[in-house]
Amino acid sequence: MNWQEAVEKTVTGLGYDLVDCERTPAGLVRVYIDKLPEVALAGGLIDVDDCERVTRQLQYLLEVEACPYERLEVSSPGLDRPLKKSADYARFVGEEIEITLRMPFQGRKKYQGLLSAVPAAEAAKLEVEGLAAEPVAAETWRIVFNDGKADQALDFALEELREARLVPVVSFKGRGVKPEPAKKPKRAKAERKDDKVDGGPDQ
């Protein structure tokens, strides 16, 4: 088990969702945590107490795992939460996101719009009918955006992304109300002493 897997096991064991973790060349270990989906939907937000709890456990873990580090920071992911794993995409279907592709499509890499899932049956149909330029991934997601003239839909697999984040929504009510789905969009072809905790704003 590498240090990242150990961090994930510890965070999830404490009842939180691990959003992301990284270690910089300077020895800074950053860990972003969130409430589990069902708690977040009920209005639960990451606070300083949560971050302190996780920090204490991770300090012990990193010591046991002999993982060298200079500083440890544990915080919430913020309003522009990154989307890293498939479960993140499933959780935030219907939310506005911004994606950056690894390779440009139609002359651009960045797209912003509403996230939706492509039903497995539809993905299979696209492949059978030859409407997919390449074999459709088992898990395909869709972003619905407006090109200035009409709504378009771009289907993508996680492997095709360099980065994906939620578009910040400032609301005292949080992200409880989802926008209406788009109607039939057109398809676009295919440290240690100074360990830091920061509750920060959350979704």
N, C-alpha and C. Protein backbone atom coordinates (compact mmCIF):
# COMPACT_ATOMS: atom_id res chain seq x y z
N MET A 1 0.85 -1.20 0.00
CA MET A 1 0.00 0.00 0.00
C MET A 1 0.88 1.25 0.00
N ASN A 2 0.74 2.11 -1.01
CA ASN A 2 1.53 3.34 -1.02
C ASN A 2 0.90 4.39 -0.10
N TRP A 3 1.58 5.50 0.07
CA TRP A 3 1.12 6.50 1.04
C TRP A 3 -0.22 7.10 0.66
N GLN A 4 -0.48 7.24 -0.62
CA GLN A 4 -1.76 7.81 -1.05
C GLN A 4 -2.92 6.86 -0.73
N GLU A 5 -2.71 5.58 -0.95
CA GLU A 5 -3.74 4.61 -0.61
C GLU A 5 -3.97 4.58 0.89
N ALA A 6 -2.89 4.71 1.67
CA ALA A 6 -2.99 4.71 3.13
C ALA A 6 -3.78 5.94 3.60
N VAL A 7 -3.52 7.08 2.95
CA VAL A 7 -4.25 8.30 3.30
C VAL A 7 -5.73 8.13 3.00
N GLU A 8 -6.04 7.58 1.83
CA GLU A 8 -7.44 7.37 1.47
C GLU A 8 -8.14 6.44 2.44
N LYS A 9 -7.48 5.34 2.80
CA LYS A 9 -8.07 4.38 3.73
C LYS A 9 -8.35 5.04 5.08
N THR A 10 -7.42 5.89 5.55
CA THR A 10 -7.59 6.58 6.83
C THR A 10 -8.74 7.58 6.78
N VAL A 11 -8.76 8.38 5.72
CA VAL A 11 -9.81 9.40 5.58
C VAL A 11 -11.19 8.77 5.48
N THR A 12 -11.32 7.77 4.62
CA THR A 12 -12.64 7.12 4.47
C THR A 12 -13.01 6.38 5.74
N GLY A 13 -12.02 5.83 6.45
CA GLY A 13 -12.30 5.13 7.71
C GLY A 13 -12.83 6.06 8.78
N LEU A 14 -12.50 7.34 8.66
CA LEU A 14 -13.00 8.34 9.61
C LEU A 14 -14.37 8.87 9.20
N GLY A 15 -14.85 8.39 8.05
CA GLY A 15 -16.18 8.82 7.61
C GLY A 15 -16.20 10.05 6.73
N TYR A 16 -15.13 10.27 5.98
CA TYR A 16 -15.07 11.40 5.07
C TYR A 16 -14.76 10.92 3.66
N ASP A 17 -14.97 11.78 2.71
CA ASP A 17 -14.63 11.50 1.33
C ASP A 17 -13.30 12.16 1.03
N LEU A 18 -12.35 11.37 0.49
CA LEU A 18 -11.06 11.96 0.10
C LEU A 18 -11.22 12.53 -1.30
N VAL A 19 -11.09 13.82 -1.42
CA VAL A 19 -11.23 14.49 -2.70
C VAL A 19 -9.93 14.41 -3.48
N ASP A 20 -8.82 14.72 -2.82
CA ASP A 20 -7.52 14.70 -3.50
C ASP A 20 -6.42 14.77 -2.46
N CYS A 21 -5.23 14.30 -2.81
CA CYS A 21 -4.07 14.44 -1.94
C CYS A 21 -2.83 14.53 -2.83
N GLU A 22 -1.85 15.28 -2.37
CA GLU A 22 -0.64 15.48 -3.15
C GLU A 22 0.54 15.78 -2.24
N ARG A 23 1.73 15.51 -2.71
CA ARG A 23 2.95 15.84 -1.96
C ARG A 23 3.87 16.59 -2.90
N THR A 24 4.28 17.79 -2.49
CA THR A 24 5.13 18.63 -3.32
C THR A 24 6.60 18.30 -3.10
N PRO A 25 7.47 18.69 -4.03
CA PRO A 25 8.91 18.45 -3.87
C PRO A 25 9.46 19.09 -2.59
N ALA A 26 8.81 20.16 -2.12
CA ALA A 26 9.26 20.84 -0.90
C ALA A 26 8.82 20.10 0.37
N GLY A 27 8.08 19.01 0.21
CA GLY A 27 7.67 18.22 1.36
C GLY A 27 6.33 18.58 1.96
N LEU A 28 5.54 19.36 1.23
CA LEU A 28 4.20 19.71 1.71
C LEU A 28 3.21 18.63 1.27
N VAL A 29 2.46 18.11 2.22
CA VAL A 29 1.42 17.13 1.91
C VAL A 29 0.08 17.83 2.08
N ARG A 30 -0.67 17.92 0.98
CA ARG A 30 -1.99 18.54 1.01
C ARG A 30 -3.05 17.46 0.88
N VAL A 31 -4.06 17.54 1.72
CA VAL A 31 -5.16 16.58 1.67
C VAL A 31 -6.47 17.35 1.70
N TYR A 32 -7.31 17.07 0.73
CA TYR A 32 -8.61 17.73 0.66
C TYR A 32 -9.69 16.72 0.99
N ILE A 33 -10.55 17.05 1.93
CA ILE A 33 -11.60 16.14 2.37
C ILE A 33 -12.98 16.79 2.24
N ASP A 34 -13.98 15.95 2.17
CA ASP A 34 -15.36 16.45 2.07
C ASP A 34 -16.25 15.52 2.89
N LYS A 35 -17.44 15.97 3.16
CA LYS A 35 -18.42 15.10 3.80
C LYS A 35 -18.85 14.05 2.80
N LEU A 36 -19.33 12.93 3.27
CA LEU A 36 -19.87 11.92 2.38
C LEU A 36 -21.12 12.49 1.70
N PRO A 37 -21.45 12.01 0.51
CA PRO A 37 -22.58 12.58 -0.25
C PRO A 37 -23.87 12.74 0.54
N GLU A 38 -24.27 11.68 1.28
CA GLU A 38 -25.55 11.76 2.01
C GLU A 38 -25.53 12.82 3.10
N VAL A 39 -24.34 13.05 3.72
CA VAL A 39 -24.20 14.07 4.76
C VAL A 39 -24.18 15.45 4.12
N ALA A 40 -23.48 15.57 2.99
CA ALA A 40 -23.40 16.85 2.29
C ALA A 40 -24.77 17.28 1.79
N LEU A 41 -25.56 16.32 1.28
CA LEU A 41 -26.90 16.64 0.79
C LEU A 41 -27.80 17.15 1.90
N ALA A 42 -27.52 16.72 3.14
CA ALA A 42 -28.31 17.15 4.29
C ALA A 42 -27.79 18.48 4.83
N GLY A 43 -26.81 19.06 4.14
CA GLY A 43 -26.30 20.38 4.54
C GLY A 43 -25.00 20.33 5.31
N GLY A 44 -24.40 19.14 5.45
CA GLY A 44 -23.16 19.03 6.20
C GLY A 44 -21.99 19.66 5.48
N LEU A 45 -21.20 20.45 6.20
CA LEU A 45 -20.03 21.12 5.62
C LEU A 45 -18.77 20.78 6.42
N ILE A 46 -17.65 20.73 5.76
CA ILE A 46 -16.38 20.49 6.43
C ILE A 46 -16.02 21.72 7.26
N ASP A 47 -15.67 21.51 8.56
CA ASP A 47 -15.26 22.63 9.40
C ASP A 47 -13.88 22.35 10.00
N VAL A 48 -13.40 23.27 10.85
CA VAL A 48 -12.06 23.16 11.44
C VAL A 48 -11.93 21.89 12.29
N ASP A 49 -13.00 21.53 12.99
CA ASP A 49 -12.95 20.32 13.83
C ASP A 49 -12.71 19.07 12.98
N ASP A 50 -13.37 19.02 11.81
CA ASP A 50 -13.16 17.88 10.91
C ASP A 50 -11.71 17.81 10.47
N CYS A 51 -11.18 18.96 10.07
CA CYS A 51 -9.80 19.00 9.58
C CYS A 51 -8.80 18.64 10.68
N GLU A 52 -9.06 19.09 11.91
CA GLU A 52 -8.16 18.76 13.02
C GLU A 52 -8.19 17.25 13.30
N ARG A 53 -9.37 16.67 13.23
CA ARG A 53 -9.51 15.24 13.48
C ARG A 53 -8.72 14.42 12.46
N VAL A 54 -8.88 14.77 11.21
CA VAL A 54 -8.16 14.07 10.15
C VAL A 54 -6.66 14.32 10.25
N THR A 55 -6.26 15.54 10.56
CA THR A 55 -4.85 15.88 10.69
C THR A 55 -4.17 15.02 11.74
N ARG A 56 -4.79 14.84 12.91
CA ARG A 56 -4.20 14.03 13.98
C ARG A 56 -3.96 12.59 13.51
N GLN A 57 -4.95 12.04 12.82
CA GLN A 57 -4.82 10.67 12.34
C GLN A 57 -3.75 10.54 11.26
N LEU A 58 -3.71 11.53 10.37
CA LEU A 58 -2.72 11.47 9.29
C LEU A 58 -1.30 11.68 9.79
N GLN A 59 -1.11 12.49 10.83
CA GLN A 59 0.21 12.67 11.41
C GLN A 59 0.74 11.32 11.91
N TYR A 60 -0.13 10.58 12.58
CA TYR A 60 0.24 9.26 13.09
C TYR A 60 0.52 8.31 11.92
N LEU A 61 -0.36 8.32 10.94
CA LEU A 61 -0.21 7.44 9.78
C LEU A 61 1.10 7.68 9.05
N LEU A 62 1.40 8.94 8.73
CA LEU A 62 2.61 9.26 7.99
C LEU A 62 3.87 8.88 8.76
N GLU A 63 3.78 8.94 10.09
CA GLU A 63 4.91 8.53 10.93
C GLU A 63 5.10 7.02 10.84
N VAL A 64 4.00 6.29 10.94
CA VAL A 64 4.06 4.82 10.88
C VAL A 64 4.53 4.35 9.52
N GLU A 65 4.03 5.03 8.47
CA GLU A 65 4.39 4.64 7.11
C GLU A 65 5.75 5.17 6.68
N ALA A 66 6.42 5.89 7.60
CA ALA A 66 7.74 6.47 7.31
C ALA A 66 7.71 7.30 6.03
N CYS A 67 6.64 8.07 5.89
CA CYS A 67 6.50 8.95 4.73
C CYS A 67 7.11 10.31 5.07
N PRO A 68 8.23 10.68 4.46
CA PRO A 68 8.86 11.96 4.78
C PRO A 68 8.02 13.15 4.34
N TYR A 69 7.85 14.09 5.23
CA TYR A 69 7.13 15.31 4.87
C TYR A 69 7.56 16.43 5.82
N GLU A 70 7.38 17.66 5.40
CA GLU A 70 7.73 18.81 6.21
C GLU A 70 6.50 19.48 6.81
N ARG A 71 5.42 19.42 6.07
CA ARG A 71 4.20 20.11 6.50
C ARG A 71 2.99 19.37 6.00
N LEU A 72 1.93 19.38 6.78
CA LEU A 72 0.69 18.70 6.40
C LEU A 72 -0.46 19.71 6.46
N GLU A 73 -1.19 19.79 5.38
CA GLU A 73 -2.36 20.67 5.33
C GLU A 73 -3.59 19.83 5.01
N VAL A 74 -4.62 19.99 5.81
CA VAL A 74 -5.90 19.31 5.56
C VAL A 74 -6.97 20.37 5.47
N SER A 75 -7.71 20.36 4.39
CA SER A 75 -8.74 21.38 4.21
C SER A 75 -9.89 20.86 3.37
N SER A 76 -10.92 21.66 3.26
CA SER A 76 -12.04 21.33 2.39
C SER A 76 -11.61 21.62 0.96
N PRO A 77 -12.30 21.07 -0.02
CA PRO A 77 -11.90 21.30 -1.41
C PRO A 77 -12.28 22.66 -1.95
N GLY A 78 -13.13 23.39 -1.24
CA GLY A 78 -13.55 24.70 -1.72
C GLY A 78 -14.71 24.61 -2.69
N LEU A 79 -15.20 25.75 -3.10
CA LEU A 79 -16.35 25.80 -4.00
C LEU A 79 -16.03 25.26 -5.39
N ASP A 80 -14.76 25.40 -5.79
CA ASP A 80 -14.38 24.89 -7.11
C ASP A 80 -13.75 23.50 -6.96
N ARG A 81 -14.45 22.64 -6.27
CA ARG A 81 -13.98 21.29 -5.98
C ARG A 81 -13.53 20.56 -7.24
N PRO A 82 -12.37 19.93 -7.20
CA PRO A 82 -11.95 19.14 -8.36
C PRO A 82 -12.71 17.83 -8.43
N LEU A 83 -12.93 17.36 -9.63
CA LEU A 83 -13.57 16.07 -9.83
C LEU A 83 -12.48 15.12 -10.28
N LYS A 84 -12.26 14.07 -9.51
CA LYS A 84 -11.14 13.18 -9.77
C LYS A 84 -11.55 11.78 -10.18
N LYS A 85 -12.54 11.23 -9.49
CA LYS A 85 -12.92 9.84 -9.73
C LYS A 85 -14.35 9.74 -10.23
N SER A 86 -14.67 8.59 -10.71
CA SER A 86 -15.99 8.36 -11.28
C SER A 86 -17.11 8.71 -10.30
N ALA A 87 -16.91 8.37 -9.02
CA ALA A 87 -17.94 8.65 -8.00
C ALA A 87 -18.20 10.15 -7.88
N ASP A 88 -17.17 10.97 -8.15
CA ASP A 88 -17.36 12.43 -8.10
C ASP A 88 -18.32 12.88 -9.19
N TYR A 89 -18.15 12.31 -10.36
CA TYR A 89 -19.02 12.69 -11.49
C TYR A 89 -20.46 12.24 -11.23
N ALA A 90 -20.62 11.05 -10.71
CA ALA A 90 -21.96 10.54 -10.41
C ALA A 90 -22.62 11.42 -9.34
N ARG A 91 -21.85 11.89 -8.38
CA ARG A 91 -22.38 12.72 -7.29
C ARG A 91 -22.85 14.09 -7.77
N PHE A 92 -22.14 14.63 -8.77
CA PHE A 92 -22.44 16.00 -9.19
C PHE A 92 -23.13 16.11 -10.54
N VAL A 93 -23.81 15.07 -10.95
CA VAL A 93 -24.62 15.14 -12.18
C VAL A 93 -25.65 16.27 -12.01
N GLY A 94 -25.77 17.09 -13.02
CA GLY A 94 -26.71 18.22 -12.95
C GLY A 94 -26.07 19.52 -12.51
N GLU A 95 -24.81 19.44 -12.08
CA GLU A 95 -24.09 20.65 -11.66
C GLU A 95 -23.30 21.22 -12.83
N GLU A 96 -22.95 22.51 -12.70
CA GLU A 96 -22.14 23.14 -13.73
C GLU A 96 -20.67 22.86 -13.45
N ILE A 97 -19.96 22.41 -14.46
CA ILE A 97 -18.55 22.08 -14.30
C ILE A 97 -17.73 22.72 -15.42
N GLU A 98 -16.42 22.75 -15.22
CA GLU A 98 -15.50 23.20 -16.25
C GLU A 98 -14.48 22.09 -16.46
N ILE A 99 -14.29 21.69 -17.68
CA ILE A 99 -13.33 20.64 -17.98
C ILE A 99 -12.22 21.16 -18.89
N THR A 100 -11.05 20.57 -18.76
CA THR A 100 -9.93 20.86 -19.65
C THR A 100 -9.49 19.55 -20.26
N LEU A 101 -9.59 19.45 -21.56
CA LEU A 101 -9.23 18.22 -22.26
C LEU A 101 -7.72 18.10 -22.41
N ARG A 102 -7.23 16.88 -22.53
CA ARG A 102 -5.81 16.65 -22.79
C ARG A 102 -5.46 17.07 -24.22
N MET A 103 -6.37 16.78 -25.12
CA MET A 103 -6.18 17.13 -26.52
C MET A 103 -7.32 18.05 -26.95
N PRO A 104 -7.04 19.08 -27.73
CA PRO A 104 -8.11 20.00 -28.15
C PRO A 104 -9.14 19.33 -29.03
N PHE A 105 -10.37 19.77 -28.89
CA PHE A 105 -11.46 19.29 -29.73
C PHE A 105 -12.11 20.51 -30.37
N GLN A 106 -12.18 20.52 -31.66
CA GLN A 106 -12.70 21.66 -32.41
C GLN A 106 -11.96 22.94 -32.03
N GLY A 107 -10.63 22.84 -31.87
CA GLY A 107 -9.79 24.00 -31.63
C GLY A 107 -9.75 24.52 -30.20
N ARG A 108 -10.36 23.81 -29.26
CA ARG A 108 -10.34 24.28 -27.88
C ARG A 108 -10.23 23.10 -26.91
N LYS A 109 -9.69 23.43 -25.71
CA LYS A 109 -9.55 22.40 -24.68
C LYS A 109 -10.51 22.59 -23.51
N LYS A 110 -10.94 23.84 -23.29
CA LYS A 110 -11.80 24.12 -22.12
C LYS A 110 -13.27 24.22 -22.52
N TYR A 111 -14.11 23.57 -21.72
CA TYR A 111 -15.56 23.63 -21.91
C TYR A 111 -16.23 23.80 -20.56
N GLN A 112 -17.31 24.58 -20.53
CA GLN A 112 -18.07 24.79 -19.30
C GLN A 112 -19.54 24.55 -19.58
N GLY A 113 -20.16 23.78 -18.72
CA GLY A 113 -21.57 23.47 -18.92
C GLY A 113 -22.08 22.51 -17.87
N LEU A 114 -23.28 21.97 -18.11
CA LEU A 114 -23.90 21.06 -17.15
C LEU A 114 -23.43 19.63 -17.37
N LEU A 115 -23.15 18.96 -16.26
CA LEU A 115 -22.69 17.58 -16.31
C LEU A 115 -23.87 16.61 -16.31
N SER A 116 -23.79 15.63 -17.17
CA SER A 116 -24.80 14.58 -17.16
C SER A 116 -24.12 13.27 -17.51
N ALA A 117 -24.79 12.18 -17.24
CA ALA A 117 -24.25 10.86 -17.54
C ALA A 117 -24.84 10.37 -18.84
N VAL A 118 -24.06 9.65 -19.58
CA VAL A 118 -24.56 9.07 -20.82
C VAL A 118 -25.05 7.66 -20.48
N PRO A 119 -26.32 7.39 -20.65
CA PRO A 119 -26.83 6.05 -20.35
C PRO A 119 -26.04 5.00 -21.11
N ALA A 120 -25.76 3.86 -20.46
CA ALA A 120 -24.97 2.80 -21.09
C ALA A 120 -25.58 2.36 -22.40
N ALA A 121 -26.92 2.28 -22.43
CA ALA A 121 -27.60 1.84 -23.65
C ALA A 121 -27.36 2.82 -24.79
N GLU A 122 -27.37 4.11 -24.47
CA GLU A 122 -27.16 5.13 -25.51
C GLU A 122 -25.73 5.09 -26.01
N ALA A 123 -24.76 4.89 -25.07
CA ALA A 123 -23.35 4.83 -25.46
C ALA A 123 -23.12 3.65 -26.39
N ALA A 124 -23.75 2.53 -26.07
CA ALA A 124 -23.61 1.35 -26.91
C ALA A 124 -24.22 1.58 -28.28
N LYS A 125 -25.36 2.27 -28.31
CA LYS A 125 -26.04 2.56 -29.57
C LYS A 125 -25.18 3.43 -30.47
N LEU A 126 -24.50 4.42 -29.87
CA LEU A 126 -23.63 5.31 -30.63
C LEU A 126 -22.53 4.52 -31.33
N GLU A 127 -21.99 3.52 -30.61
CA GLU A 127 -20.90 2.74 -31.16
C GLU A 127 -21.41 1.82 -32.28
N VAL A 128 -22.55 1.20 -32.03
CA VAL A 128 -23.11 0.28 -33.01
C VAL A 128 -23.47 1.01 -34.30
N GLU A 129 -24.03 2.21 -34.14
CA GLU A 129 -24.46 2.97 -35.31
C GLU A 129 -23.31 3.69 -35.99
N GLY A 130 -22.12 3.58 -35.42
CA GLY A 130 -20.96 4.20 -36.04
C GLY A 130 -20.89 5.69 -35.84
N LEU A 131 -21.61 6.21 -34.84
CA LEU A 131 -21.60 7.65 -34.60
C LEU A 131 -20.48 8.05 -33.66
N ALA A 132 -19.78 7.06 -33.12
CA ALA A 132 -18.64 7.34 -32.24
C ALA A 132 -17.37 7.16 -33.06
N ALA A 133 -16.49 8.17 -33.00
CA ALA A 133 -15.27 8.11 -33.79
C ALA A 133 -14.34 7.02 -33.25
N GLU A 134 -14.45 6.74 -31.92
CA GLU A 134 -13.64 5.71 -31.30
C GLU A 134 -14.55 4.85 -30.44
N PRO A 135 -14.08 3.68 -30.02
CA PRO A 135 -14.90 2.84 -29.14
C PRO A 135 -15.34 3.63 -27.91
N VAL A 136 -16.61 3.54 -27.56
CA VAL A 136 -17.15 4.30 -26.43
C VAL A 136 -16.69 3.68 -25.13
N ALA A 137 -16.17 4.51 -24.20
CA ALA A 137 -15.70 4.01 -22.91
C ALA A 137 -16.86 3.46 -22.10
N ALA A 138 -16.55 2.51 -21.21
CA ALA A 138 -17.60 1.90 -20.40
C ALA A 138 -18.33 2.97 -19.59
N GLU A 139 -17.57 3.97 -19.12
CA GLU A 139 -18.18 5.07 -18.38
C GLU A 139 -17.95 6.34 -19.19
N THR A 140 -19.00 6.85 -19.74
CA THR A 140 -18.91 8.06 -20.54
C THR A 140 -19.77 9.13 -19.91
N TRP A 141 -19.24 10.35 -19.87
CA TRP A 141 -19.96 11.48 -19.28
C TRP A 141 -20.19 12.51 -20.36
N ARG A 142 -21.09 13.42 -20.09
CA ARG A 142 -21.47 14.42 -21.08
C ARG A 142 -21.51 15.80 -20.44
N ILE A 143 -21.03 16.79 -21.16
CA ILE A 143 -21.15 18.18 -20.72
C ILE A 143 -21.99 18.90 -21.75
N VAL A 144 -23.03 19.57 -21.30
CA VAL A 144 -23.93 20.31 -22.17
C VAL A 144 -23.60 21.79 -22.06
N PHE A 145 -23.21 22.37 -23.18
CA PHE A 145 -22.78 23.76 -23.18
C PHE A 145 -23.42 24.50 -24.35
N ASN A 146 -23.33 25.81 -24.29
CA ASN A 146 -23.88 26.62 -25.37
C ASN A 146 -22.73 27.25 -26.14
N ASP A 147 -22.75 27.06 -27.44
CA ASP A 147 -21.66 27.58 -28.27
C ASP A 147 -21.93 28.99 -28.77
N GLY A 148 -22.97 29.63 -28.21
CA GLY A 148 -23.32 30.98 -28.64
C GLY A 148 -24.48 30.97 -29.61
N LYS A 149 -24.79 29.81 -30.12
CA LYS A 149 -25.91 29.68 -31.06
C LYS A 149 -26.96 28.68 -30.55
N ALA A 150 -26.47 27.59 -30.03
CA ALA A 150 -27.40 26.56 -29.54
C ALA A 150 -26.69 25.67 -28.53
N ASP A 151 -27.47 24.88 -27.79
CA ASP A 151 -26.90 23.93 -26.84
C ASP A 151 -26.22 22.80 -27.60
N GLN A 152 -25.05 22.43 -27.13
CA GLN A 152 -24.30 21.32 -27.71
C GLN A 152 -23.97 20.33 -26.60
N ALA A 153 -23.70 19.10 -26.98
CA ALA A 153 -23.32 18.07 -26.01
C ALA A 153 -22.00 17.45 -26.42
N LEU A 154 -21.07 17.40 -25.48
CA LEU A 154 -19.77 16.78 -25.72
C LEU A 154 -19.61 15.60 -24.77
N ASP A 155 -19.47 14.41 -25.33
CA ASP A 155 -19.27 13.20 -24.52
C ASP A 155 -17.78 12.98 -24.32
N PHE A 156 -17.40 12.53 -23.11
CA PHE A 156 -15.99 12.33 -22.81
C PHE A 156 -15.79 11.22 -21.78
N ALA A 157 -14.59 10.65 -21.78
CA ALA A 157 -14.19 9.67 -20.78
C ALA A 157 -13.19 10.36 -19.86
N LEU A 158 -13.05 9.90 -18.62
CA LEU A 158 -12.17 10.56 -17.67
C LEU A 158 -10.72 10.57 -18.15
N GLU A 159 -10.35 9.55 -18.91
CA GLU A 159 -8.98 9.47 -19.41
C GLU A 159 -8.66 10.61 -20.39
N GLU A 160 -9.68 11.21 -20.95
CA GLU A 160 -9.47 12.29 -21.92
C GLU A 160 -9.30 13.65 -21.26
N LEU A 161 -9.47 13.71 -19.92
CA LEU A 161 -9.41 14.99 -19.22
C LEU A 161 -8.08 15.27 -18.56
N ARG A 162 -7.67 16.53 -18.61
CA ARG A 162 -6.50 16.98 -17.85
C ARG A 162 -6.96 17.45 -16.48
N GLU A 163 -8.15 18.07 -16.44
CA GLU A 163 -8.68 18.61 -15.18
C GLU A 163 -10.18 18.83 -15.31
N ALA A 164 -10.87 18.72 -14.19
CA ALA A 164 -12.30 19.02 -14.15
C ALA A 164 -12.62 19.58 -12.78
N ARG A 165 -13.43 20.62 -12.73
CA ARG A 165 -13.81 21.25 -11.47
C ARG A 165 -15.25 21.71 -11.51
N LEU A 166 -15.84 21.84 -10.31
CA LEU A 166 -17.17 22.44 -10.22
C LEU A 166 -17.01 23.93 -10.46
N VAL A 167 -18.00 24.52 -11.08
CA VAL A 167 -18.02 25.98 -11.23
C VAL A 167 -18.60 26.53 -9.93
N PRO A 168 -17.88 27.43 -9.23
CA PRO A 168 -18.35 27.94 -7.94
C PRO A 168 -19.75 28.54 -8.01
N VAL A 169 -20.56 28.16 -7.03
CA VAL A 169 -21.91 28.70 -6.91
C VAL A 169 -22.03 29.31 -5.53
N VAL A 170 -22.18 30.62 -5.44
CA VAL A 170 -22.29 31.29 -4.15
C VAL A 170 -23.75 31.34 -3.76
N SER A 171 -24.07 30.54 -2.74
CA SER A 171 -25.46 30.47 -2.27
C SER A 171 -25.47 30.02 -0.83
N PHE A 172 -26.28 30.72 0.01
CA PHE A 172 -26.38 30.34 1.42
C PHE A 172 -27.12 29.02 1.57
N LYS A 173 -27.80 28.63 0.52
CA LYS A 173 -28.54 27.37 0.56
C LYS A 173 -27.71 26.22 0.02
N GLY A 174 -26.47 26.52 -0.43
CA GLY A 174 -25.61 25.46 -0.95
C GLY A 174 -26.03 25.03 -2.33
N ARG A 175 -25.69 23.80 -2.64
CA ARG A 175 -25.96 23.27 -3.97
C ARG A 175 -27.13 22.30 -3.94
N GLY A 176 -28.10 22.58 -3.12
CA GLY A 176 -29.21 21.64 -2.99
C GLY A 176 -30.14 21.60 -4.17
N VAL A 177 -30.31 22.72 -4.87
CA VAL A 177 -31.26 22.77 -5.98
C VAL A 177 -30.50 22.64 -7.29
N LYS A 178 -30.85 21.65 -8.03
CA LYS A 178 -30.17 21.42 -9.31
C LYS A 178 -30.90 22.11 -10.45
N PRO A 179 -30.17 22.59 -11.40
CA PRO A 179 -30.80 23.24 -12.54
C PRO A 179 -31.56 22.23 -13.39
N GLU A 180 -32.50 22.75 -14.17
CA GLU A 180 -33.27 21.89 -15.05
C GLU A 180 -32.36 21.30 -16.12
N PRO A 181 -32.55 20.06 -16.46
CA PRO A 181 -31.71 19.47 -17.52
C PRO A 181 -31.95 20.13 -18.86
N ALA A 182 -30.93 20.15 -19.67
CA ALA A 182 -31.05 20.75 -20.99
C ALA A 182 -31.93 19.89 -21.88
N LYS A 183 -32.63 20.53 -22.79
CA LYS A 183 -33.53 19.80 -23.66
C LYS A 183 -32.87 19.43 -24.98
N LYS A 184 -32.73 18.16 -25.19
CA LYS A 184 -32.24 17.61 -26.45
C LYS A 184 -31.16 18.45 -27.12
N PRO A 185 -29.98 18.55 -26.49
CA PRO A 185 -28.90 19.33 -27.12
C PRO A 185 -28.36 18.63 -28.35
N LYS A 186 -27.77 19.42 -29.22
CA LYS A 186 -27.14 18.85 -30.40
C LYS A 186 -25.82 18.22 -29.95
N ARG A 187 -25.37 17.18 -30.61
CA ARG A 187 -24.16 16.49 -30.24
C ARG A 187 -22.96 17.08 -30.98
N ALA A 188 -21.89 17.36 -30.22
CA ALA A 188 -20.65 17.80 -30.85
C ALA A 188 -19.85 16.54 -31.13
N LYS A 189 -19.32 16.46 -32.35
CA LYS A 189 -18.59 15.25 -32.68
C LYS A 189 -17.42 15.09 -31.71
N ALA A 190 -18.04 13.59 -32.24
CA ALA A 190 -17.25 12.95 -31.27
C ALA A 190 -15.67 13.05 -31.11
N GLU A 191 3.66 19.45 5.30
CA GLU A 191 5.00 19.89 6.98
C GLU A 191 4.68 19.18 8.46
N ARG A 192 5.51 19.33 9.41
CA ARG A 192 5.06 18.72 10.62
C ARG A 192 4.84 19.73 11.70
N LYS A 193 5.91 20.65 11.95
CA LYS A 193 5.72 21.62 13.00
C LYS A 193 4.53 22.50 12.67
N ASP A 194 4.43 22.88 11.55
CA ASP A 194 3.41 23.85 11.16
C ASP A 194 2.23 23.20 10.43
N ASP A 195 1.87 22.04 10.88
CA ASP A 195 0.73 21.38 10.21
C ASP A 195 -0.48 22.31 10.27
N LYS A 196 -1.16 22.40 9.17
CA LYS A 196 -2.22 23.39 9.02
C LYS A 196 -3.56 22.74 8.74
N VAL A 197 -4.58 23.27 9.39
CA VAL A 197 -5.94 22.83 9.07
C VAL A 197 -6.74 24.03 8.64
N ASP A 198 -7.57 23.82 7.70
CA ASP A 198 -8.35 24.92 7.14
C ASP A 198 -9.72 24.43 6.76
N GLY A 199 -10.70 24.82 7.53
CA GLY A 199 -12.07 24.37 7.22
C GLY A 199 -12.48 24.88 5.87
N GLY A 200 -12.27 26.16 5.63
CA GLY A 200 -12.54 26.73 4.32
C GLY A 200 -13.98 26.62 3.90
N PRO A 201 -14.34 27.31 2.86
CA PRO A 201 -15.70 27.20 2.34
C PRO A 201 -15.88 25.86 1.65
N ASP A 202 -17.05 25.34 1.65
CA ASP A 202 -17.34 24.07 1.00
C ASP A 202 -18.60 24.20 0.20
N GLN A 203 -18.99 23.10 -0.46
CA GLN A 203 -20.18 23.13 -1.27
C GLN A 203 -21.40 23.30 -0.39
